[in-house]
Each structure stands twice: as C-alpha cells, then as structure tokens.
Amino acid sequence: MIERNCIVKFMCVFQVVSALAVFRASWLFANEAGEVPKNPDAGIIRVAVLESAGTSPSALKLIDAMVVDTKHWARGKDNVQVKLSPDAVKLFETVDDEITLYYAQGPLLARNNVDDPGIPDLECLGTFATEVAKKGAPRGVMIGCSAIIRCEHGQGRVFCFSPHPELTPGQGHLLIKAVHWLCNH
C-alpha cells in the first residue's frame, strides 16, 4: 500500500514537472535556428525528455540518457511492442516479457555517449521491439531504443515511460507499479 503522503508528493512533483515541461517546450523543440515547429503536440512534451541528460539546454539532467533522433520526434502514433527486462517483469508482476503499449510521439531514449559522473546511469527496463515510422521518420531507428527507464538520483528516484501505459487498455497498472517503486525507498 502506498502511503498517502507519498502519493501527494508524487502528484505535486508530477504537476510541477509537467508545468515546467509546457514552459520549456519551445526550447526543447526549437531547431538550430531557434525556430519552434508549429505543432499542437509541442506543448504536451514528454516528461522523459526533460529528465534525460541529452544536449538540450532544458534537460533536467536527472538521468544519464540522451534523446535519439530529435529531428523526427513527431514520428506518429500507434501501438508498439516493448520487450521487458527480467527486472521489469518482476516489478510489473507480468508473465509476459513483451507487452503492447500505446506510443504517441514519445522520446526515443538511449544511454548517453559520454558518461557524466554527476548524473546517475539509467537502468533500462524495456526496449522497443517494434516501431512507428510515419511522417517521414526513418525505419530502423526506434527498435532497440529504451522505452522504459529508471534510476536512483540522490535521495530520490526517477522513472520514465516513453510510450503511454495510461492510454493503453489494461496497462494502467504499470504506472501504479512505477509509483510504488518511486515511493518505496
């Protein structure tokens, strides 16, 4: 059972990060010329992008990951297969090591090319086994990228989903398991 205090803290942190995400969306999606794409999804930025170390000036640097293929961030929306690690199978209490999740242009995450000792290394809990390559996005980039990552950071924890379990029928429990992991420190 999750303590009420922990849920309140999680909701507050999530709301603050979400507000920060909307505020910083223009920096995150600006190209080298500083132009922001005219796209309604730009304001609904994935929190995982902000948590990654990446090269974006707005990255929160909570986890040592980088965003892959930022040029094709709007690669489309569809269900994808995610291959789970043994730790993820245990955490999510599932019998299958491959699950279907709804993907809606979330970040493609990977380990950073240069290790930053000041940022915790990620633990990959799931990788994309299939891909979405619409809107001119190249094929072959998404498969193998991290779909679910986590790490310990200072006295806290970080958990990131690229796809959307909350929008996938029957997979909302994954968020509850993630919150349990975040709170059971």
N, C-alpha and C. Protein backbone atom coordinates (compact mmCIF):
# COMPACT_ATOMS: atom_id res chain seq x y z
N MET A 1 0.85 -1.19 0.00
CA MET A 1 0.00 0.00 0.00
C MET A 1 0.89 1.24 0.00
N ILE A 2 0.56 2.19 -0.82
CA ILE A 2 1.32 3.43 -0.89
C ILE A 2 0.78 4.39 0.16
N GLU A 3 1.68 5.00 0.90
CA GLU A 3 1.26 5.96 1.90
C GLU A 3 0.68 7.20 1.22
N ARG A 4 -0.34 7.79 1.85
CA ARG A 4 -0.99 8.97 1.27
C ARG A 4 0.00 10.10 1.06
N ASN A 5 0.90 10.32 2.00
CA ASN A 5 1.89 11.39 1.91
C ASN A 5 2.74 11.22 0.66
N CYS A 6 3.10 9.98 0.36
CA CYS A 6 3.93 9.70 -0.82
C CYS A 6 3.17 10.03 -2.10
N ILE A 7 1.90 9.68 -2.16
CA ILE A 7 1.08 9.98 -3.35
C ILE A 7 0.98 11.48 -3.53
N VAL A 8 0.73 12.21 -2.46
CA VAL A 8 0.63 13.67 -2.56
C VAL A 8 1.93 14.25 -3.09
N LYS A 9 3.06 13.78 -2.57
CA LYS A 9 4.36 14.27 -3.04
C LYS A 9 4.55 13.94 -4.51
N PHE A 10 4.19 12.71 -4.93
CA PHE A 10 4.34 12.31 -6.32
C PHE A 10 3.48 13.19 -7.23
N MET A 11 2.23 13.41 -6.83
CA MET A 11 1.34 14.24 -7.65
C MET A 11 1.88 15.66 -7.76
N CYS A 12 2.38 16.20 -6.66
CA CYS A 12 2.94 17.56 -6.69
C CYS A 12 4.15 17.63 -7.61
N VAL A 13 5.04 16.66 -7.47
CA VAL A 13 6.24 16.64 -8.32
C VAL A 13 5.83 16.50 -9.78
N PHE A 14 4.89 15.61 -10.06
CA PHE A 14 4.45 15.40 -11.44
C PHE A 14 3.85 16.69 -12.01
N GLN A 15 3.03 17.37 -11.22
CA GLN A 15 2.41 18.60 -11.69
C GLN A 15 3.45 19.68 -11.94
N VAL A 16 4.42 19.81 -11.05
CA VAL A 16 5.47 20.81 -11.23
C VAL A 16 6.28 20.51 -12.48
N VAL A 17 6.68 19.26 -12.66
CA VAL A 17 7.47 18.89 -13.83
C VAL A 17 6.64 19.07 -15.09
N SER A 18 5.35 18.73 -15.06
CA SER A 18 4.51 18.92 -16.23
C SER A 18 4.40 20.39 -16.59
N ALA A 19 4.23 21.24 -15.60
CA ALA A 19 4.15 22.68 -15.86
C ALA A 19 5.47 23.17 -16.44
N LEU A 20 6.56 22.69 -15.89
CA LEU A 20 7.89 23.05 -16.39
C LEU A 20 8.04 22.57 -17.82
N ALA A 21 7.50 21.38 -18.10
CA ALA A 21 7.61 20.83 -19.44
C ALA A 21 6.91 21.72 -20.46
N VAL A 22 5.72 22.17 -20.14
CA VAL A 22 5.00 23.04 -21.07
C VAL A 22 5.75 24.35 -21.24
N PHE A 23 6.26 24.89 -20.14
CA PHE A 23 7.00 26.15 -20.18
C PHE A 23 8.25 26.03 -21.06
N ARG A 24 8.93 24.89 -20.99
CA ARG A 24 10.19 24.72 -21.69
C ARG A 24 10.05 24.07 -23.06
N ALA A 25 8.84 23.77 -23.49
CA ALA A 25 8.64 23.07 -24.75
C ALA A 25 9.27 23.83 -25.92
N SER A 26 9.22 25.14 -25.90
CA SER A 26 9.77 25.90 -27.02
C SER A 26 11.27 25.69 -27.16
N TRP A 27 12.00 25.60 -26.04
CA TRP A 27 13.44 25.36 -26.12
C TRP A 27 13.73 23.93 -26.56
N LEU A 28 12.92 23.00 -26.11
CA LEU A 28 13.19 21.60 -26.39
C LEU A 28 13.00 21.28 -27.87
N PHE A 29 12.01 21.87 -28.49
CA PHE A 29 11.71 21.53 -29.86
C PHE A 29 12.24 22.54 -30.87
N ALA A 30 12.92 23.56 -30.41
CA ALA A 30 13.48 24.53 -31.34
C ALA A 30 14.61 23.88 -32.13
N ASN A 31 14.69 24.21 -33.42
CA ASN A 31 15.79 23.70 -34.23
C ASN A 31 17.02 24.60 -34.02
N GLU A 32 18.09 24.33 -34.76
CA GLU A 32 19.32 25.09 -34.56
C GLU A 32 19.14 26.58 -34.84
N ALA A 33 18.17 26.93 -35.68
CA ALA A 33 17.92 28.34 -35.99
C ALA A 33 17.02 28.99 -34.94
N GLY A 34 16.59 28.21 -33.96
CA GLY A 34 15.74 28.74 -32.90
C GLY A 34 14.27 28.76 -33.26
N GLU A 35 13.89 28.11 -34.39
CA GLU A 35 12.50 28.08 -34.81
C GLU A 35 11.78 26.94 -34.10
N VAL A 36 10.59 27.22 -33.62
CA VAL A 36 9.78 26.21 -32.95
C VAL A 36 8.74 25.68 -33.93
N PRO A 37 8.65 24.34 -34.10
CA PRO A 37 7.66 23.80 -35.02
C PRO A 37 6.24 24.19 -34.60
N LYS A 38 5.40 24.51 -35.56
CA LYS A 38 4.01 24.85 -35.27
C LYS A 38 3.23 23.54 -35.20
N ASN A 39 3.18 22.97 -34.01
CA ASN A 39 2.56 21.67 -33.81
C ASN A 39 1.87 21.68 -32.46
N PRO A 40 0.61 21.27 -32.39
CA PRO A 40 -0.08 21.29 -31.10
C PRO A 40 0.56 20.36 -30.06
N ASP A 41 1.27 19.32 -30.48
CA ASP A 41 1.89 18.40 -29.53
C ASP A 41 3.10 19.03 -28.84
N ALA A 42 3.62 20.14 -29.36
CA ALA A 42 4.82 20.74 -28.78
C ALA A 42 4.61 21.15 -27.34
N GLY A 43 3.40 21.52 -26.96
CA GLY A 43 3.12 21.91 -25.58
C GLY A 43 2.88 20.72 -24.67
N ILE A 44 2.63 19.56 -25.25
CA ILE A 44 2.38 18.36 -24.46
C ILE A 44 3.64 17.51 -24.52
N ILE A 45 4.68 18.04 -23.96
CA ILE A 45 6.00 17.42 -24.03
C ILE A 45 6.10 16.24 -23.07
N ARG A 46 6.83 15.25 -23.44
CA ARG A 46 7.03 14.10 -22.57
C ARG A 46 7.99 14.46 -21.45
N VAL A 47 7.60 14.14 -20.24
CA VAL A 47 8.45 14.41 -19.08
C VAL A 47 9.79 13.70 -19.22
N ALA A 48 9.80 12.54 -19.86
CA ALA A 48 11.04 11.78 -20.02
C ALA A 48 12.09 12.58 -20.79
N VAL A 49 11.66 13.40 -21.72
CA VAL A 49 12.63 14.20 -22.47
C VAL A 49 13.33 15.16 -21.52
N LEU A 50 12.59 15.76 -20.62
CA LEU A 50 13.18 16.72 -19.70
C LEU A 50 14.08 16.05 -18.67
N GLU A 51 13.81 14.79 -18.37
CA GLU A 51 14.61 14.10 -17.37
C GLU A 51 15.93 13.60 -17.92
N SER A 52 16.05 13.48 -19.23
CA SER A 52 17.27 12.94 -19.81
C SER A 52 18.38 13.99 -19.82
N ALA A 53 19.59 13.52 -19.85
CA ALA A 53 20.75 14.44 -19.84
C ALA A 53 20.85 15.15 -21.18
N GLY A 54 20.81 14.40 -22.26
CA GLY A 54 20.79 14.95 -23.61
C GLY A 54 21.66 16.17 -23.83
N THR A 55 21.40 16.88 -24.90
CA THR A 55 22.13 18.09 -25.20
C THR A 55 21.23 19.31 -25.14
N SER A 56 19.96 19.11 -24.86
CA SER A 56 19.02 20.22 -24.80
C SER A 56 19.33 21.10 -23.60
N PRO A 57 19.27 22.42 -23.77
CA PRO A 57 19.52 23.31 -22.63
C PRO A 57 18.45 23.18 -21.56
N SER A 58 17.30 22.61 -21.90
CA SER A 58 16.24 22.50 -20.90
C SER A 58 16.20 21.13 -20.23
N ALA A 59 17.11 20.24 -20.56
CA ALA A 59 17.12 18.93 -19.92
C ALA A 59 17.39 19.09 -18.43
N LEU A 60 16.64 18.38 -17.62
CA LEU A 60 16.80 18.47 -16.17
C LEU A 60 18.00 17.68 -15.66
N LYS A 61 18.53 16.81 -16.48
CA LYS A 61 19.71 16.00 -16.14
C LYS A 61 19.50 15.19 -14.86
N LEU A 62 18.36 14.51 -14.81
CA LEU A 62 18.08 13.63 -13.69
C LEU A 62 18.51 12.21 -13.95
N ILE A 63 18.76 11.87 -15.22
CA ILE A 63 19.12 10.51 -15.59
C ILE A 63 20.06 10.57 -16.80
N ASP A 64 21.07 9.71 -16.81
CA ASP A 64 22.11 9.78 -17.84
C ASP A 64 21.64 9.10 -19.13
N ALA A 65 20.76 9.80 -19.84
CA ALA A 65 20.20 9.30 -21.09
C ALA A 65 20.21 10.43 -22.10
N MET A 66 20.13 10.05 -23.36
CA MET A 66 20.01 11.06 -24.41
C MET A 66 18.80 10.72 -25.28
N VAL A 67 18.26 11.73 -25.91
CA VAL A 67 17.14 11.53 -26.81
C VAL A 67 17.70 11.27 -28.20
N VAL A 68 17.24 10.19 -28.82
CA VAL A 68 17.70 9.78 -30.15
C VAL A 68 16.77 10.36 -31.20
N ASP A 69 17.33 10.83 -32.30
CA ASP A 69 16.59 11.29 -33.47
C ASP A 69 15.57 12.38 -33.13
N THR A 70 16.04 13.49 -32.58
CA THR A 70 15.15 14.60 -32.24
C THR A 70 14.53 15.23 -33.48
N LYS A 71 15.17 15.07 -34.63
CA LYS A 71 14.64 15.64 -35.86
C LYS A 71 13.28 15.03 -36.20
N HIS A 72 13.10 13.75 -35.90
CA HIS A 72 11.85 13.06 -36.22
C HIS A 72 11.06 12.74 -34.96
N TRP A 73 10.99 13.69 -34.04
CA TRP A 73 10.28 13.44 -32.79
C TRP A 73 8.79 13.18 -33.04
N ALA A 74 8.23 13.77 -34.08
CA ALA A 74 6.82 13.57 -34.41
C ALA A 74 6.70 12.40 -35.39
N ARG A 75 7.04 11.21 -34.93
CA ARG A 75 7.10 10.05 -35.82
C ARG A 75 5.78 9.30 -35.92
N GLY A 76 4.75 9.77 -35.23
CA GLY A 76 3.44 9.15 -35.36
C GLY A 76 2.96 8.50 -34.08
N LYS A 77 1.75 7.94 -34.17
CA LYS A 77 1.10 7.34 -33.00
C LYS A 77 0.57 5.96 -33.40
N ASP A 78 0.82 4.98 -32.53
CA ASP A 78 0.34 3.62 -32.79
C ASP A 78 0.72 2.73 -31.61
N ASN A 79 0.18 1.54 -31.57
CA ASN A 79 0.62 0.57 -30.57
C ASN A 79 1.97 0.01 -30.97
N VAL A 80 2.82 -0.24 -29.97
CA VAL A 80 4.14 -0.84 -30.20
C VAL A 80 4.33 -1.98 -29.21
N GLN A 81 5.25 -2.87 -29.55
CA GLN A 81 5.64 -3.94 -28.64
C GLN A 81 6.88 -3.47 -27.88
N VAL A 82 6.87 -3.70 -26.57
CA VAL A 82 8.00 -3.35 -25.72
C VAL A 82 8.51 -4.63 -25.07
N LYS A 83 9.79 -4.91 -25.27
CA LYS A 83 10.46 -6.08 -24.67
C LYS A 83 10.93 -5.69 -23.27
N LEU A 84 10.45 -6.41 -22.26
CA LEU A 84 10.78 -6.10 -20.87
C LEU A 84 11.99 -6.87 -20.38
N SER A 85 12.78 -6.22 -19.53
CA SER A 85 13.90 -6.88 -18.88
C SER A 85 13.35 -7.80 -17.78
N PRO A 86 14.15 -8.74 -17.28
CA PRO A 86 13.70 -9.57 -16.16
C PRO A 86 13.28 -8.74 -14.94
N ASP A 87 14.01 -7.65 -14.66
CA ASP A 87 13.64 -6.77 -13.54
C ASP A 87 12.28 -6.12 -13.76
N ALA A 88 11.97 -5.77 -15.01
CA ALA A 88 10.67 -5.15 -15.32
C ALA A 88 9.55 -6.17 -15.17
N VAL A 89 9.78 -7.40 -15.62
CA VAL A 89 8.77 -8.46 -15.49
C VAL A 89 8.43 -8.63 -14.01
N LYS A 90 9.46 -8.61 -13.17
CA LYS A 90 9.26 -8.75 -11.73
C LYS A 90 8.54 -7.52 -11.15
N LEU A 91 9.00 -6.33 -11.51
CA LEU A 91 8.41 -5.09 -11.00
C LEU A 91 6.94 -4.98 -11.38
N PHE A 92 6.62 -5.24 -12.65
CA PHE A 92 5.26 -5.08 -13.14
C PHE A 92 4.39 -6.30 -12.89
N GLU A 93 5.00 -7.36 -12.32
CA GLU A 93 4.29 -8.59 -11.98
C GLU A 93 3.51 -9.13 -13.18
N THR A 94 4.22 -9.26 -14.29
CA THR A 94 3.62 -9.78 -15.51
C THR A 94 4.26 -11.11 -15.87
N VAL A 95 3.55 -11.94 -16.57
CA VAL A 95 4.11 -13.22 -17.00
C VAL A 95 4.77 -13.09 -18.37
N ASP A 96 4.36 -12.08 -19.13
CA ASP A 96 4.91 -11.87 -20.46
C ASP A 96 6.11 -10.94 -20.41
N ASP A 97 7.12 -11.24 -21.22
CA ASP A 97 8.28 -10.34 -21.28
C ASP A 97 8.18 -9.39 -22.47
N GLU A 98 7.02 -9.40 -23.15
CA GLU A 98 6.77 -8.43 -24.21
C GLU A 98 5.32 -7.97 -24.07
N ILE A 99 5.15 -6.65 -24.03
CA ILE A 99 3.82 -6.08 -23.83
C ILE A 99 3.52 -5.06 -24.93
N THR A 100 2.24 -4.78 -25.11
CA THR A 100 1.81 -3.77 -26.06
C THR A 100 1.52 -2.48 -25.30
N LEU A 101 2.08 -1.37 -25.79
CA LEU A 101 1.82 -0.05 -25.21
C LEU A 101 1.52 0.94 -26.33
N TYR A 102 0.71 1.94 -26.01
CA TYR A 102 0.39 2.98 -26.98
C TYR A 102 1.52 4.00 -27.01
N TYR A 103 2.04 4.25 -28.19
CA TYR A 103 3.12 5.22 -28.40
C TYR A 103 2.54 6.44 -29.11
N ALA A 104 2.82 7.61 -28.58
CA ALA A 104 2.30 8.86 -29.17
C ALA A 104 3.42 9.88 -29.25
N GLN A 105 4.40 9.59 -30.09
CA GLN A 105 5.49 10.52 -30.35
C GLN A 105 6.35 10.81 -29.11
N GLY A 106 6.52 9.82 -28.26
CA GLY A 106 7.38 9.98 -27.08
C GLY A 106 8.83 9.94 -27.48
N PRO A 107 9.72 10.28 -26.55
CA PRO A 107 11.14 10.31 -26.87
C PRO A 107 11.71 8.91 -27.06
N LEU A 108 12.70 8.81 -27.93
CA LEU A 108 13.48 7.59 -28.08
C LEU A 108 14.72 7.81 -27.23
N LEU A 109 14.86 7.02 -26.19
CA LEU A 109 15.95 7.23 -25.24
C LEU A 109 17.05 6.19 -25.40
N ALA A 110 18.27 6.61 -25.13
CA ALA A 110 19.43 5.72 -25.16
C ALA A 110 20.44 6.21 -24.12
N ARG A 111 21.38 5.35 -23.81
CA ARG A 111 22.45 5.76 -22.90
C ARG A 111 23.23 6.89 -23.55
N ASN A 112 23.69 7.82 -22.73
CA ASN A 112 24.48 8.94 -23.23
C ASN A 112 25.79 8.43 -23.81
N ASN A 113 26.27 9.07 -24.86
CA ASN A 113 27.55 8.69 -25.47
C ASN A 113 28.72 8.97 -24.55
N VAL A 114 28.61 10.01 -23.75
CA VAL A 114 29.67 10.39 -22.82
C VAL A 114 29.12 10.26 -21.41
N ASP A 115 29.78 9.46 -20.58
CA ASP A 115 29.32 9.25 -19.22
C ASP A 115 29.58 10.50 -18.38
N ASP A 116 28.55 11.01 -17.75
CA ASP A 116 28.66 12.14 -16.84
C ASP A 116 28.58 11.59 -15.42
N PRO A 117 29.69 11.61 -14.68
CA PRO A 117 29.67 11.03 -13.33
C PRO A 117 28.72 11.75 -12.37
N GLY A 118 28.28 12.95 -12.73
CA GLY A 118 27.36 13.69 -11.87
C GLY A 118 25.90 13.35 -12.10
N ILE A 119 25.62 12.51 -13.09
CA ILE A 119 24.25 12.13 -13.41
C ILE A 119 24.14 10.61 -13.30
N PRO A 120 23.13 10.11 -12.56
CA PRO A 120 23.00 8.65 -12.41
C PRO A 120 22.77 7.92 -13.73
N ASP A 121 23.40 6.75 -13.85
CA ASP A 121 23.20 5.91 -15.03
C ASP A 121 21.78 5.35 -15.03
N LEU A 122 21.26 5.14 -16.21
CA LEU A 122 19.91 4.60 -16.32
C LEU A 122 19.93 3.09 -16.21
N GLU A 123 18.81 2.54 -15.78
CA GLU A 123 18.54 1.11 -15.86
C GLU A 123 17.43 0.96 -16.88
N CYS A 124 17.68 0.25 -17.95
CA CYS A 124 16.68 0.06 -18.99
C CYS A 124 15.77 -1.10 -18.60
N LEU A 125 14.49 -0.83 -18.45
CA LEU A 125 13.50 -1.84 -18.09
C LEU A 125 12.75 -2.38 -19.30
N GLY A 126 12.82 -1.65 -20.41
CA GLY A 126 12.12 -2.11 -21.61
C GLY A 126 12.63 -1.40 -22.85
N THR A 127 12.71 -2.14 -23.95
CA THR A 127 13.14 -1.57 -25.23
C THR A 127 12.04 -1.77 -26.26
N PHE A 128 12.02 -0.90 -27.27
CA PHE A 128 11.05 -1.03 -28.34
C PHE A 128 11.40 -2.24 -29.21
N ALA A 129 10.43 -3.15 -29.36
CA ALA A 129 10.61 -4.32 -30.23
C ALA A 129 10.01 -4.07 -31.61
N THR A 130 9.09 -3.13 -31.68
CA THR A 130 8.52 -2.69 -32.96
C THR A 130 8.62 -1.17 -33.00
N GLU A 131 8.25 -0.58 -34.13
CA GLU A 131 8.44 0.87 -34.25
C GLU A 131 7.28 1.56 -34.94
N VAL A 132 7.27 2.87 -34.80
CA VAL A 132 6.38 3.75 -35.54
C VAL A 132 7.30 4.62 -36.38
N ALA A 133 7.12 4.58 -37.68
CA ALA A 133 7.98 5.37 -38.58
C ALA A 133 7.09 6.04 -39.63
N LYS A 134 6.27 6.95 -39.15
CA LYS A 134 5.38 7.71 -40.02
C LYS A 134 5.93 9.12 -40.18
N LYS A 135 5.26 9.93 -40.96
CA LYS A 135 5.59 11.36 -41.11
C LYS A 135 7.05 11.60 -41.52
N GLY A 136 7.60 10.69 -42.33
CA GLY A 136 8.96 10.87 -42.82
C GLY A 136 10.06 10.37 -41.90
N ALA A 137 9.69 9.80 -40.76
CA ALA A 137 10.70 9.26 -39.84
C ALA A 137 11.32 8.00 -40.45
N PRO A 138 12.64 7.85 -40.36
CA PRO A 138 13.29 6.68 -40.96
C PRO A 138 12.99 5.40 -40.18
N ARG A 139 12.92 4.29 -40.89
CA ARG A 139 12.74 2.98 -40.25
C ARG A 139 14.07 2.53 -39.63
N GLY A 140 13.97 1.69 -38.60
CA GLY A 140 15.15 1.10 -38.00
C GLY A 140 15.77 1.89 -36.86
N VAL A 141 15.27 3.07 -36.59
CA VAL A 141 15.84 3.90 -35.52
C VAL A 141 15.25 3.54 -34.16
N MET A 142 13.96 3.27 -34.12
CA MET A 142 13.25 3.09 -32.86
C MET A 142 13.52 1.74 -32.19
N ILE A 143 13.65 0.69 -32.98
CA ILE A 143 13.82 -0.66 -32.42
C ILE A 143 15.14 -0.72 -31.64
N GLY A 144 15.01 -1.19 -30.39
CA GLY A 144 16.18 -1.30 -29.52
C GLY A 144 16.40 -0.09 -28.62
N CYS A 145 15.73 1.04 -28.91
CA CYS A 145 15.84 2.20 -28.02
C CYS A 145 15.07 1.92 -26.73
N SER A 146 15.48 2.57 -25.67
CA SER A 146 14.82 2.39 -24.37
C SER A 146 13.41 2.96 -24.40
N ALA A 147 12.46 2.18 -23.92
CA ALA A 147 11.07 2.61 -23.82
C ALA A 147 10.70 2.92 -22.37
N ILE A 148 11.36 2.22 -21.44
CA ILE A 148 11.10 2.40 -20.00
C ILE A 148 12.45 2.41 -19.29
N ILE A 149 12.72 3.47 -18.54
CA ILE A 149 13.99 3.55 -17.80
C ILE A 149 13.74 4.06 -16.38
N ARG A 150 14.73 3.80 -15.53
CA ARG A 150 14.66 4.31 -14.16
C ARG A 150 16.06 4.46 -13.61
N CYS A 151 16.17 5.16 -12.48
CA CYS A 151 17.44 5.26 -11.77
C CYS A 151 17.19 5.81 -10.37
N GLU A 152 18.20 5.68 -9.54
CA GLU A 152 18.21 6.33 -8.23
C GLU A 152 18.95 7.64 -8.44
N HIS A 153 18.48 8.72 -7.83
CA HIS A 153 19.11 10.02 -8.01
C HIS A 153 19.15 10.72 -6.65
N GLY A 154 20.35 10.85 -6.10
CA GLY A 154 20.47 11.47 -4.78
C GLY A 154 19.66 10.68 -3.78
N GLN A 155 18.73 11.36 -3.11
CA GLN A 155 17.86 10.70 -2.14
C GLN A 155 16.52 10.31 -2.75
N GLY A 156 16.41 10.46 -4.06
CA GLY A 156 15.15 10.15 -4.72
C GLY A 156 15.31 9.14 -5.84
N ARG A 157 14.28 9.02 -6.63
CA ARG A 157 14.25 8.08 -7.74
C ARG A 157 13.60 8.73 -8.96
N VAL A 158 13.95 8.24 -10.14
CA VAL A 158 13.41 8.74 -11.39
C VAL A 158 12.88 7.55 -12.20
N PHE A 159 11.71 7.71 -12.80
CA PHE A 159 11.11 6.65 -13.60
C PHE A 159 10.53 7.29 -14.86
N CYS A 160 10.86 6.77 -16.03
CA CYS A 160 10.41 7.36 -17.29
C CYS A 160 9.78 6.32 -18.21
N PHE A 161 8.63 6.65 -18.75
CA PHE A 161 7.99 5.87 -19.82
C PHE A 161 8.05 6.72 -21.08
N SER A 162 8.47 6.15 -22.19
CA SER A 162 8.34 6.84 -23.46
C SER A 162 6.94 6.61 -24.02
N PRO A 163 6.46 5.36 -24.09
CA PRO A 163 5.07 5.13 -24.52
C PRO A 163 4.11 5.46 -23.36
N HIS A 164 2.84 5.29 -23.60
CA HIS A 164 1.81 5.70 -22.64
C HIS A 164 1.01 4.52 -22.09
N PRO A 165 1.43 3.95 -20.96
CA PRO A 165 0.63 2.86 -20.38
C PRO A 165 -0.76 3.34 -19.94
N GLU A 166 -0.86 4.61 -19.55
CA GLU A 166 -2.14 5.15 -19.09
C GLU A 166 -3.16 5.27 -20.23
N LEU A 167 -2.70 5.25 -21.47
CA LEU A 167 -3.59 5.32 -22.63
C LEU A 167 -3.74 3.97 -23.32
N THR A 168 -3.18 2.93 -22.71
CA THR A 168 -3.25 1.58 -23.27
C THR A 168 -4.22 0.75 -22.44
N PRO A 169 -5.30 0.27 -23.04
CA PRO A 169 -6.24 -0.55 -22.27
C PRO A 169 -5.54 -1.72 -21.57
N GLY A 170 -5.82 -1.84 -20.26
CA GLY A 170 -5.27 -2.94 -19.48
C GLY A 170 -3.84 -2.75 -18.99
N GLN A 171 -3.22 -1.60 -19.27
CA GLN A 171 -1.82 -1.41 -18.86
C GLN A 171 -1.63 -0.27 -17.85
N GLY A 172 -2.70 0.34 -17.39
CA GLY A 172 -2.60 1.43 -16.42
C GLY A 172 -1.91 1.03 -15.13
N HIS A 173 -1.97 -0.27 -14.79
CA HIS A 173 -1.31 -0.75 -13.57
C HIS A 173 0.20 -0.54 -13.59
N LEU A 174 0.79 -0.39 -14.79
CA LEU A 174 2.24 -0.16 -14.87
C LEU A 174 2.61 1.15 -14.18
N LEU A 175 1.77 2.17 -14.30
CA LEU A 175 2.02 3.44 -13.61
C LEU A 175 1.95 3.27 -12.10
N ILE A 176 1.00 2.48 -11.64
CA ILE A 176 0.87 2.23 -10.20
C ILE A 176 2.12 1.53 -9.69
N LYS A 177 2.61 0.54 -10.43
CA LYS A 177 3.84 -0.16 -10.04
C LYS A 177 5.03 0.79 -10.04
N ALA A 178 5.07 1.71 -11.01
CA ALA A 178 6.16 2.70 -11.06
C ALA A 178 6.11 3.62 -9.85
N VAL A 179 4.90 4.04 -9.47
CA VAL A 179 4.74 4.90 -8.28
C VAL A 179 5.16 4.15 -7.03
N HIS A 180 4.77 2.88 -6.92
CA HIS A 180 5.21 2.06 -5.78
C HIS A 180 6.74 2.06 -5.71
N TRP A 181 7.40 1.83 -6.84
CA TRP A 181 8.87 1.80 -6.85
C TRP A 181 9.44 3.15 -6.46
N LEU A 182 8.85 4.22 -6.96
CA LEU A 182 9.32 5.57 -6.62
C LEU A 182 9.20 5.85 -5.12
N CYS A 183 8.14 5.35 -4.50
CA CYS A 183 7.86 5.67 -3.10
C CYS A 183 8.51 4.72 -2.10
N ASN A 184 8.80 3.50 -2.50
CA ASN A 184 9.40 2.52 -1.59
C ASN A 184 10.90 2.65 -1.61
N HIS A 185 11.38 3.65 -0.93
CA HIS A 185 12.81 3.98 -0.97
C HIS A 185 13.49 3.46 0.27
